[in-house]
Amino acid sequence: MADYQCYPIWEPNTKEYNINPFSLPISLQLGNDLMKWAAQWDKTLNWDNPSNSGFNSTEEESFFISEGKRLCETLNNQLGNQFEVEFSYSPQFKE
């Protein structure tokens, strides 16, 4: 799940709710890709008017979602069945 100024991985109901990808047993490449994906999200933040944050087009948002799902699948494959991994996203397109 993407959230501004946060790591892109979350574990509900734990003390370390927001998880640094590099603390997980995954490849360095996947960790870097997850951080790049989170940075794409951070770029959509309008610091002057946060309520006006979001992607500039539905195409940009669709690409972001597709990339997030791909990363989620890769994360799931690398972590194996000892973790439950799911993709979550709330639409943020600017009207």
PDB file of N, CA and C in Angstrom:
ATOM      1  N   MET A   1       0.840  -1.170   0.000  1.00  0.00           N
ATOM      2  CA  MET A   1       0.000   0.000   0.000  1.00  0.00           C
ATOM      3  C   MET A   1       0.889   1.239   0.000  1.00  0.00           C
ATOM      4  N   ALA A   2       0.553   2.160  -0.848  1.00  0.00           N
ATOM      5  CA  ALA A   2       1.313   3.405  -0.908  1.00  0.00           C
ATOM      6  C   ALA A   2       0.733   4.417   0.082  1.00  0.00           C
ATOM      7  N   ASP A   3       1.609   5.107   0.772  1.00  0.00           N
ATOM      8  CA  ASP A   3       1.219   6.212   1.636  1.00  0.00           C
ATOM      9  C   ASP A   3       2.374   7.203   1.615  1.00  0.00           C
ATOM     10  N   TYR A   4       2.057   8.466   1.695  1.00  0.00           N
ATOM     11  CA  TYR A   4       3.078   9.496   1.559  1.00  0.00           C
ATOM     12  C   TYR A   4       4.145   9.403   2.646  1.00  0.00           C
ATOM     13  N   GLN A   5       5.397   9.491   2.196  1.00  0.00           N
ATOM     14  CA  GLN A   5       6.555   9.514   3.084  1.00  0.00           C
ATOM     15  C   GLN A   5       6.668   8.254   3.950  1.00  0.00           C
ATOM     16  N   CYS A   6       6.245   7.111   3.395  1.00  0.00           N
ATOM     17  CA  CYS A   6       6.293   5.839   4.120  1.00  0.00           C
ATOM     18  C   CYS A   6       6.892   4.749   3.243  1.00  0.00           C
ATOM     19  N   TYR A   7       7.304   3.669   3.887  1.00  0.00           N
ATOM     20  CA  TYR A   7       7.690   2.478   3.133  1.00  0.00           C
ATOM     21  C   TYR A   7       6.430   1.899   2.489  1.00  0.00           C
ATOM     22  N   PRO A   8       6.566   1.161   1.384  1.00  0.00           N
ATOM     23  CA  PRO A   8       5.385   0.654   0.691  1.00  0.00           C
ATOM     24  C   PRO A   8       4.848  -0.674   1.229  1.00  0.00           C
ATOM     25  N   ILE A   9       5.358  -1.138   2.359  1.00  0.00           N
ATOM     26  CA  ILE A   9       4.923  -2.417   2.917  1.00  0.00           C
ATOM     27  C   ILE A   9       4.414  -2.190   4.339  1.00  0.00           C
ATOM     28  N   TRP A  10       3.282  -2.819   4.630  1.00  0.00           N
ATOM     29  CA  TRP A  10       2.627  -2.648   5.918  1.00  0.00           C
ATOM     30  C   TRP A  10       2.291  -4.000   6.523  1.00  0.00           C
ATOM     31  N   GLU A  11       2.399  -4.089   7.835  1.00  0.00           N
ATOM     32  CA  GLU A  11       1.976  -5.283   8.561  1.00  0.00           C
ATOM     33  C   GLU A  11       1.000  -4.846   9.646  1.00  0.00           C
ATOM     34  N   PRO A  12      -0.278  -5.125   9.442  1.00  0.00           N
ATOM     35  CA  PRO A  12      -1.277  -4.669  10.413  1.00  0.00           C
ATOM     36  C   PRO A  12      -1.111  -5.327  11.784  1.00  0.00           C
ATOM     37  N   ASN A  13      -1.545  -4.601  12.787  1.00  0.00           N
ATOM     38  CA  ASN A  13      -1.600  -5.110  14.160  1.00  0.00           C
ATOM     39  C   ASN A  13      -0.241  -5.490  14.742  1.00  0.00           C
ATOM     40  N   THR A  14       0.788  -4.758  14.372  1.00  0.00           N
ATOM     41  CA  THR A  14       2.113  -4.992  14.940  1.00  0.00           C
ATOM     42  C   THR A  14       2.732  -3.665  15.355  1.00  0.00           C
ATOM     43  N   LYS A  15       3.767  -3.733  16.164  1.00  0.00           N
ATOM     44  CA  LYS A  15       4.472  -2.527  16.598  1.00  0.00           C
ATOM     45  C   LYS A  15       5.176  -1.857  15.415  1.00  0.00           C
ATOM     46  N   GLU A  16       5.775  -2.658  14.556  1.00  0.00           N
ATOM     47  CA  GLU A  16       6.480  -2.147  13.375  1.00  0.00           C
ATOM     48  C   GLU A  16       5.542  -2.195  12.170  1.00  0.00           C
ATOM     49  N   TYR A  17       4.485  -1.417  12.225  1.00  0.00           N
ATOM     50  CA  TYR A  17       3.422  -1.433  11.216  1.00  0.00           C
ATOM     51  C   TYR A  17       3.936  -1.157   9.802  1.00  0.00           C
ATOM     52  N   ASN A  18       4.773  -0.156   9.641  1.00  0.00           N
ATOM     53  CA  ASN A  18       5.335   0.207   8.336  1.00  0.00           C
ATOM     54  C   ASN A  18       6.713  -0.437   8.223  1.00  0.00           C
ATOM     55  N   ILE A  19       6.886  -1.307   7.227  1.00  0.00           N
ATOM     56  CA  ILE A  19       8.076  -2.156   7.154  1.00  0.00           C
ATOM     57  C   ILE A  19       9.042  -1.708   6.063  1.00  0.00           C
ATOM     58  N   ASN A  20      10.285  -1.557   6.434  1.00  0.00           N
ATOM     59  CA  ASN A  20      11.349  -1.266   5.481  1.00  0.00           C
ATOM     60  C   ASN A  20      11.569  -2.514   4.625  1.00  0.00           C
ATOM     61  N   PRO A  21      11.415  -2.419   3.293  1.00  0.00           N
ATOM     62  CA  PRO A  21      11.595  -3.595   2.440  1.00  0.00           C
ATOM     63  C   PRO A  21      12.953  -4.268   2.612  1.00  0.00           C
ATOM     64  N   PHE A  22      13.969  -3.488   2.935  1.00  0.00           N
ATOM     65  CA  PHE A  22      15.314  -4.040   3.066  1.00  0.00           C
ATOM     66  C   PHE A  22      15.494  -4.864   4.345  1.00  0.00           C
ATOM     67  N   SER A  23      14.484  -4.851   5.221  1.00  0.00           N
ATOM     68  CA  SER A  23      14.534  -5.690   6.423  1.00  0.00           C
ATOM     69  C   SER A  23      13.945  -7.079   6.161  1.00  0.00           C
ATOM     70  N   LEU A  24      13.421  -7.285   4.971  1.00  0.00           N
ATOM     71  CA  LEU A  24      12.809  -8.568   4.612  1.00  0.00           C
ATOM     72  C   LEU A  24      13.782  -9.444   3.826  1.00  0.00           C
ATOM     73  N   PRO A  25      13.557 -10.744   3.829  1.00  0.00           N
ATOM     74  CA  PRO A  25      14.423 -11.653   3.064  1.00  0.00           C
ATOM     75  C   PRO A  25      14.054 -11.665   1.575  1.00  0.00           C
ATOM     76  N   ILE A  26      14.309 -10.529   0.917  1.00  0.00           N
ATOM     77  CA  ILE A  26      14.022 -10.377  -0.512  1.00  0.00           C
ATOM     78  C   ILE A  26      15.281  -9.877  -1.215  1.00  0.00           C
ATOM     79  N   SER A  27      15.248  -9.906  -2.537  1.00  0.00           N
ATOM     80  CA  SER A  27      16.410  -9.449  -3.302  1.00  0.00           C
ATOM     81  C   SER A  27      16.593  -7.939  -3.173  1.00  0.00           C
ATOM     82  N   LEU A  28      17.824  -7.514  -3.322  1.00  0.00           N
ATOM     83  CA  LEU A  28      18.133  -6.086  -3.318  1.00  0.00           C
ATOM     84  C   LEU A  28      17.376  -5.385  -4.443  1.00  0.00           C
ATOM     85  N   GLN A  29      17.286  -6.032  -5.600  1.00  0.00           N
ATOM     86  CA  GLN A  29      16.570  -5.452  -6.739  1.00  0.00           C
ATOM     87  C   GLN A  29      15.106  -5.186  -6.396  1.00  0.00           C
ATOM     88  N   LEU A  30      14.444  -6.151  -5.761  1.00  0.00           N
ATOM     89  CA  LEU A  30      13.042  -5.953  -5.390  1.00  0.00           C
ATOM     90  C   LEU A  30      12.914  -4.843  -4.353  1.00  0.00           C
ATOM     91  N   GLY A  31      13.809  -4.798  -3.389  1.00  0.00           N
ATOM     92  CA  GLY A  31      13.786  -3.713  -2.411  1.00  0.00           C
ATOM     93  C   GLY A  31      13.906  -2.359  -3.084  1.00  0.00           C
ATOM     94  N   ASN A  32      14.825  -2.248  -4.032  1.00  0.00           N
ATOM     95  CA  ASN A  32      14.994  -0.991  -4.771  1.00  0.00           C
ATOM     96  C   ASN A  32      13.754  -0.660  -5.592  1.00  0.00           C
ATOM     97  N   ASP A  33      13.177  -1.672  -6.248  1.00  0.00           N
ATOM     98  CA  ASP A  33      11.974  -1.444  -7.058  1.00  0.00           C
ATOM     99  C   ASP A  33      10.801  -0.980  -6.197  1.00  0.00           C
ATOM    100  N   LEU A  34      10.659  -1.560  -5.023  1.00  0.00           N
ATOM    101  CA  LEU A  34       9.592  -1.139  -4.110  1.00  0.00           C
ATOM    102  C   LEU A  34       9.786   0.306  -3.659  1.00  0.00           C
ATOM    103  N   MET A  35      11.033   0.686  -3.381  1.00  0.00           N
ATOM    104  CA  MET A  35      11.300   2.063  -2.960  1.00  0.00           C
ATOM    105  C   MET A  35      11.073   3.052  -4.105  1.00  0.00           C
ATOM    106  N   LYS A  36      11.393   2.658  -5.332  1.00  0.00           N
ATOM    107  CA  LYS A  36      11.121   3.515  -6.496  1.00  0.00           C
ATOM    108  C   LYS A  36       9.622   3.695  -6.680  1.00  0.00           C
ATOM    109  N   TRP A  37       8.871   2.615  -6.467  1.00  0.00           N
ATOM    110  CA  TRP A  37       7.415   2.676  -6.584  1.00  0.00           C
ATOM    111  C   TRP A  37       6.848   3.643  -5.534  1.00  0.00           C
ATOM    112  N   ALA A  38       7.350   3.561  -4.308  1.00  0.00           N
ATOM    113  CA  ALA A  38       6.917   4.472  -3.244  1.00  0.00           C
ATOM    114  C   ALA A  38       7.270   5.917  -3.592  1.00  0.00           C
ATOM    115  N   ALA A  39       8.427   6.131  -4.205  1.00  0.00           N
ATOM    116  CA  ALA A  39       8.842   7.485  -4.600  1.00  0.00           C
ATOM    117  C   ALA A  39       7.919   8.045  -5.679  1.00  0.00           C
ATOM    118  N   GLN A  40       7.433   7.176  -6.572  1.00  0.00           N
ATOM    119  CA  GLN A  40       6.469   7.630  -7.583  1.00  0.00           C
ATOM    120  C   GLN A  40       5.221   8.167  -6.900  1.00  0.00           C
ATOM    121  N   TRP A  41       4.796   7.479  -5.865  1.00  0.00           N
ATOM    122  CA  TRP A  41       3.614   7.922  -5.118  1.00  0.00           C
ATOM    123  C   TRP A  41       3.885   9.268  -4.445  1.00  0.00           C
ATOM    124  N   ASP A  42       5.043   9.386  -3.806  1.00  0.00           N
ATOM    125  CA  ASP A  42       5.382  10.634  -3.115  1.00  0.00           C
ATOM    126  C   ASP A  42       5.363  11.830  -4.056  1.00  0.00           C
ATOM    127  N   LYS A  43       5.698  11.620  -5.319  1.00  0.00           N
ATOM    128  CA  LYS A  43       5.702  12.713  -6.295  1.00  0.00           C
ATOM    129  C   LYS A  43       4.304  13.250  -6.567  1.00  0.00           C
ATOM    130  N   THR A  44       3.263  12.497  -6.221  1.00  0.00           N
ATOM    131  CA  THR A  44       1.896  12.963  -6.469  1.00  0.00           C
ATOM    132  C   THR A  44       1.387  13.879  -5.364  1.00  0.00           C
ATOM    133  N   LEU A  45       2.163  14.018  -4.287  1.00  0.00           N
ATOM    134  CA  LEU A  45       1.734  14.854  -3.165  1.00  0.00           C
ATOM    135  C   LEU A  45       1.873  16.332  -3.509  1.00  0.00           C
ATOM    136  N   ASN A  46       0.795  17.055  -3.358  1.00  0.00           N
ATOM    137  CA  ASN A  46       0.790  18.502  -3.523  1.00  0.00           C
ATOM    138  C   ASN A  46       0.974  19.099  -2.125  1.00  0.00           C
ATOM    139  N   TRP A  47       2.194  19.529  -1.824  1.00  0.00           N
ATOM    140  CA  TRP A  47       2.511  20.032  -0.484  1.00  0.00           C
ATOM    141  C   TRP A  47       1.723  21.292  -0.135  1.00  0.00           C
ATOM    142  N   ASP A  48       1.413  22.113  -1.138  1.00  0.00           N
ATOM    143  CA  ASP A  48       0.683  23.354  -0.883  1.00  0.00           C
ATOM    144  C   ASP A  48      -0.803  23.115  -0.651  1.00  0.00           C
ATOM    145  N   ASN A  49      -1.326  22.054  -1.256  1.00  0.00           N
ATOM    146  CA  ASN A  49      -2.740  21.732  -1.117  1.00  0.00           C
ATOM    147  C   ASN A  49      -2.895  20.210  -1.146  1.00  0.00           C
ATOM    148  N   PRO A  50      -2.640  19.544  -0.026  1.00  0.00           N
ATOM    149  CA  PRO A  50      -2.664  18.080  -0.003  1.00  0.00           C
ATOM    150  C   PRO A  50      -3.964  17.461  -0.510  1.00  0.00           C
ATOM    151  N   SER A  51      -5.089  18.146  -0.338  1.00  0.00           N
ATOM    152  CA  SER A  51      -6.356  17.590  -0.824  1.00  0.00           C
ATOM    153  C   SER A  51      -6.411  17.548  -2.346  1.00  0.00           C
ATOM    154  N   ASN A  52      -5.486  18.243  -3.002  1.00  0.00           N
ATOM    155  CA  ASN A  52      -5.411  18.240  -4.460  1.00  0.00           C
ATOM    156  C   ASN A  52      -4.280  17.329  -4.955  1.00  0.00           C
ATOM    157  N   SER A  53      -3.875  16.393  -4.129  1.00  0.00           N
ATOM    158  CA  SER A  53      -2.825  15.450  -4.513  1.00  0.00           C
ATOM    159  C   SER A  53      -3.406  14.353  -5.390  1.00  0.00           C
ATOM    160  N   GLY A  54      -2.549  13.716  -6.141  1.00  0.00           N
ATOM    161  CA  GLY A  54      -2.982  12.589  -6.964  1.00  0.00           C
ATOM    162  C   GLY A  54      -2.294  12.605  -8.306  1.00  0.00           C
ATOM    163  N   PHE A  55      -2.620  11.609  -9.098  1.00  0.00           N
ATOM    164  CA  PHE A  55      -2.036  11.490 -10.427  1.00  0.00           C
ATOM    165  C   PHE A  55      -2.665  12.505 -11.370  1.00  0.00           C
ATOM    166  N   ASN A  56      -1.908  12.897 -12.394  1.00  0.00           N
ATOM    167  CA  ASN A  56      -2.390  13.874 -13.361  1.00  0.00           C
ATOM    168  C   ASN A  56      -3.290  13.262 -14.422  1.00  0.00           C
ATOM    169  N   SER A  57      -3.260  11.937 -14.552  1.00  0.00           N
ATOM    170  CA  SER A  57      -4.102  11.276 -15.554  1.00  0.00           C
ATOM    171  C   SER A  57      -4.452   9.872 -15.079  1.00  0.00           C
ATOM    172  N   THR A  58      -5.514   9.342 -15.644  1.00  0.00           N
ATOM    173  CA  THR A  58      -5.892   7.971 -15.315  1.00  0.00           C
ATOM    174  C   THR A  58      -4.853   6.990 -15.839  1.00  0.00           C
ATOM    175  N   GLU A  59      -4.158   7.364 -16.914  1.00  0.00           N
ATOM    176  CA  GLU A  59      -3.112   6.500 -17.464  1.00  0.00           C
ATOM    177  C   GLU A  59      -1.950   6.358 -16.482  1.00  0.00           C
ATOM    178  N   GLU A  60      -1.530   7.479 -15.881  1.00  0.00           N
ATOM    179  CA  GLU A  60      -0.455   7.433 -14.880  1.00  0.00           C
ATOM    180  C   GLU A  60      -0.873   6.568 -13.692  1.00  0.00           C
ATOM    181  N   GLU A  61      -2.102   6.753 -13.267  1.00  0.00           N
ATOM    182  CA  GLU A  61      -2.593   5.982 -12.130  1.00  0.00           C
ATOM    183  C   GLU A  61      -2.685   4.496 -12.479  1.00  0.00           C
ATOM    184  N   SER A  62      -3.160   4.179 -13.664  1.00  0.00           N
ATOM    185  CA  SER A  62      -3.260   2.779 -14.100  1.00  0.00           C
ATOM    186  C   SER A  62      -1.890   2.115 -14.144  1.00  0.00           C
ATOM    187  N   PHE A  63      -0.894   2.847 -14.640  1.00  0.00           N
ATOM    188  CA  PHE A  63       0.467   2.303 -14.676  1.00  0.00           C
ATOM    189  C   PHE A  63       0.970   2.043 -13.261  1.00  0.00           C
ATOM    190  N   PHE A  64       0.715   2.976 -12.360  1.00  0.00           N
ATOM    191  CA  PHE A  64       1.145   2.836 -10.974  1.00  0.00           C
ATOM    192  C   PHE A  64       0.509   1.598 -10.334  1.00  0.00           C
ATOM    193  N   ILE A  65      -0.769   1.409 -10.572  1.00  0.00           N
ATOM    194  CA  ILE A  65      -1.478   0.253 -10.025  1.00  0.00           C
ATOM    195  C   ILE A  65      -0.916  -1.042 -10.601  1.00  0.00           C
ATOM    196  N   SER A  66      -0.719  -1.075 -11.913  1.00  0.00           N
ATOM    197  CA  SER A  66      -0.170  -2.279 -12.559  1.00  0.00           C
ATOM    198  C   SER A  66       1.203  -2.628 -12.003  1.00  0.00           C
ATOM    199  N   GLU A  67       2.035  -1.614 -11.838  1.00  0.00           N
ATOM    200  CA  GLU A  67       3.375  -1.836 -11.295  1.00  0.00           C
ATOM    201  C   GLU A  67       3.285  -2.323  -9.849  1.00  0.00           C
ATOM    202  N   GLY A  68       2.375  -1.761  -9.081  1.00  0.00           N
ATOM    203  CA  GLY A  68       2.185  -2.201  -7.700  1.00  0.00           C
ATOM    204  C   GLY A  68       1.762  -3.659  -7.616  1.00  0.00           C
ATOM    205  N   LYS A  69       0.863  -4.065  -8.492  1.00  0.00           N
ATOM    206  CA  LYS A  69       0.415  -5.465  -8.512  1.00  0.00           C
ATOM    207  C   LYS A  69       1.557  -6.395  -8.917  1.00  0.00           C
ATOM    208  N   ARG A  70       2.359  -5.962  -9.883  1.00  0.00           N
ATOM    209  CA  ARG A  70       3.505  -6.774 -10.305  1.00  0.00           C
ATOM    210  C   ARG A  70       4.494  -6.928  -9.152  1.00  0.00           C
ATOM    211  N   LEU A  71       4.772  -5.829  -8.458  1.00  0.00           N
ATOM    212  CA  LEU A  71       5.693  -5.876  -7.320  1.00  0.00           C
ATOM    213  C   LEU A  71       5.140  -6.751  -6.195  1.00  0.00           C
ATOM    214  N   CYS A  72       3.849  -6.691  -5.983  1.00  0.00           N
ATOM    215  CA  CYS A  72       3.208  -7.515  -4.961  1.00  0.00           C
ATOM    216  C   CYS A  72       3.376  -8.999  -5.287  1.00  0.00           C
ATOM    217  N   GLU A  73       3.185  -9.351  -6.538  1.00  0.00           N
ATOM    218  CA  GLU A  73       3.354 -10.743  -6.958  1.00  0.00           C
ATOM    219  C   GLU A  73       4.803 -11.201  -6.775  1.00  0.00           C
ATOM    220  N   THR A  74       5.735 -10.335  -7.151  1.00  0.00           N
ATOM    221  CA  THR A  74       7.151 -10.671  -6.985  1.00  0.00           C
ATOM    222  C   THR A  74       7.503 -10.810  -5.505  1.00  0.00           C
ATOM    223  N   LEU A  75       6.988  -9.903  -4.692  1.00  0.00           N
ATOM    224  CA  LEU A  75       7.220  -9.968  -3.246  1.00  0.00           C
ATOM    225  C   LEU A  75       6.661 -11.273  -2.683  1.00  0.00           C
ATOM    226  N   ASN A  76       5.469 -11.625  -3.090  1.00  0.00           N
ATOM    227  CA  ASN A  76       4.847 -12.862  -2.635  1.00  0.00           C
ATOM    228  C   ASN A  76       5.696 -14.075  -3.021  1.00  0.00           C
ATOM    229  N   ASN A  77       6.198 -14.082  -4.239  1.00  0.00           N
ATOM    230  CA  ASN A  77       7.040 -15.188  -4.708  1.00  0.00           C
ATOM    231  C   ASN A  77       8.342 -15.281  -3.916  1.00  0.00           C
ATOM    232  N   GLN A  78       8.946 -14.130  -3.627  1.00  0.00           N
ATOM    233  CA  GLN A  78      10.227 -14.149  -2.917  1.00  0.00           C
ATOM    234  C   GLN A  78      10.073 -14.478  -1.428  1.00  0.00           C
ATOM    235  N   LEU A  79       8.967 -14.063  -0.835  1.00  0.00           N
ATOM    236  CA  LEU A  79       8.767 -14.332   0.592  1.00  0.00           C
ATOM    237  C   LEU A  79       8.264 -15.749   0.851  1.00  0.00           C
ATOM    238  N   GLY A  80       7.590 -16.320  -0.116  1.00  0.00           N
ATOM    239  CA  GLY A  80       7.065 -17.668   0.067  1.00  0.00           C
ATOM    240  C   GLY A  80       5.836 -17.682   0.960  1.00  0.00           C
ATOM    241  N   ASN A  81       5.469 -18.869   1.397  1.00  0.00           N
ATOM    242  CA  ASN A  81       4.210 -19.011   2.130  1.00  0.00           C
ATOM    243  C   ASN A  81       4.307 -18.684   3.618  1.00  0.00           C
ATOM    244  N   GLN A  82       5.442 -18.214   4.088  1.00  0.00           N
ATOM    245  CA  GLN A  82       5.538 -17.827   5.495  1.00  0.00           C
ATOM    246  C   GLN A  82       4.935 -16.442   5.746  1.00  0.00           C
ATOM    247  N   PHE A  83       4.611 -15.715   4.665  1.00  0.00           N
ATOM    248  CA  PHE A  83       3.994 -14.398   4.769  1.00  0.00           C
ATOM    249  C   PHE A  83       2.741 -14.354   3.901  1.00  0.00           C
ATOM    250  N   GLU A  84       1.779 -13.559   4.314  1.00  0.00           N
ATOM    251  CA  GLU A  84       0.600 -13.303   3.486  1.00  0.00           C
ATOM    252  C   GLU A  84       0.786 -11.929   2.861  1.00  0.00           C
ATOM    253  N   VAL A  85       0.745 -11.875   1.537  1.00  0.00           N
ATOM    254  CA  VAL A  85       0.990 -10.626   0.819  1.00  0.00           C
ATOM    255  C   VAL A  85      -0.238 -10.298  -0.020  1.00  0.00           C
ATOM    256  N   GLU A  86      -0.703  -9.057   0.080  1.00  0.00           N
ATOM    257  CA  GLU A  86      -1.814  -8.620  -0.760  1.00  0.00           C
ATOM    258  C   GLU A  86      -1.606  -7.173  -1.172  1.00  0.00           C
ATOM    259  N   PHE A  87      -2.165  -6.817  -2.324  1.00  0.00           N
ATOM    260  CA  PHE A  87      -2.058  -5.460  -2.852  1.00  0.00           C
ATOM    261  C   PHE A  87      -3.278  -4.669  -2.413  1.00  0.00           C
ATOM    262  N   SER A  88      -3.057  -3.440  -1.992  1.00  0.00           N
ATOM    263  CA  SER A  88      -4.145  -2.559  -1.581  1.00  0.00           C
ATOM    264  C   SER A  88      -3.889  -1.175  -2.163  1.00  0.00           C
ATOM    265  N   TYR A  89      -4.948  -0.558  -2.675  1.00  0.00           N
ATOM    266  CA  TYR A  89      -4.808   0.776  -3.257  1.00  0.00           C
ATOM    267  C   TYR A  89      -6.137   1.508  -3.178  1.00  0.00           C
ATOM    268  N   SER A  90      -6.090   2.784  -2.861  1.00  0.00           N
ATOM    269  CA  SER A  90      -7.270   3.649  -2.876  1.00  0.00           C
ATOM    270  C   SER A  90      -7.081   4.674  -3.975  1.00  0.00           C
ATOM    271  N   PRO A  91      -8.033   4.799  -4.895  1.00  0.00           N
ATOM    272  CA  PRO A  91      -7.893   5.734  -6.025  1.00  0.00           C
ATOM    273  C   PRO A  91      -7.573   7.155  -5.572  1.00  0.00           C
ATOM    274  N   GLN A  92      -6.666   7.805  -6.322  1.00  0.00           N
ATOM    275  CA  GLN A  92      -6.219   9.153  -5.978  1.00  0.00           C
ATOM    276  C   GLN A  92      -6.193  10.095  -7.174  1.00  0.00           C
ATOM    277  N   PHE A  93      -6.902   9.768  -8.247  1.00  0.00           N
ATOM    278  CA  PHE A  93      -6.862  10.615  -9.436  1.00  0.00           C
ATOM    279  C   PHE A  93      -7.496  11.972  -9.143  1.00  0.00           C
ATOM    280  N   LYS A  94      -6.816  13.035  -9.569  1.00  0.00           N
ATOM    281  CA  LYS A  94      -7.342  14.393  -9.402  1.00  0.00           C
ATOM    282  C   LYS A  94      -8.478  14.606 -10.389  1.00  0.00           C
ATOM    283  N   GLU A  95      -9.609  15.068  -9.906  1.00  0.00           N
ATOM    284  CA  GLU A  95     -10.767  15.352 -10.783  1.00  0.00           C
ATOM    285  C   GLU A  95     -10.567  16.665 -11.501  1.00  0.00           C
TER     286      GLU A  95
END
